[in-house]
Structures are given as structure tokens and as C-alpha cells.
Amino acid sequence: QTTREFLIASKKSPHLEQSDRQSLTTFLVAADLVKFARFEPSVDTCNDAITEAKHFITATIPSEEEPILEVAA
């Protein structure tokens, strides 16, 4: 999937809040610039991206009461 397709599909996820999707959008668009436009971010920008990714992961871990649903690709 392209980033756009992935983000459109993520809107259907009941597990992601709007703020989660916005964070994910920012991260993926920046990654696309590096991957496709050969943008070379600074070391600080890279470290900030790693910090944001870790924050996103910890913020979106399902609670133990919340069932984990698998989504077909």
C-alpha cells in the first residue's frame, strides 16, 4: 500500500484516535520524503522521529481488556 492508501484504510480502525492518525501521517510523510525525494534529515530530526515512533507505539498498545482484532489485508 502507498502511504495515502494506508492512511485512508486507518480511518476505519476503531483503535486509532484522530490524534494517533495525525501523528502517523506526519511520521509517514516525513519517511516518504527520505525514501522517495532523497531528503537527508539532520541527526536531531532522526532522533525526534524515533522518539515520536516510540511514543506512538506505547500510546496505541491495546489495553488488556480490549480484544485484539486481526484485519485482513
Foldseek 3Di string as FASTA:
>chain_A
DQPVVVLVVCVPDPLDDPVLSVLVNVLRVVVCCCVPVVDDDDPVVVVVSVVSVVVSVVVRDDDPVDDDDDDDD
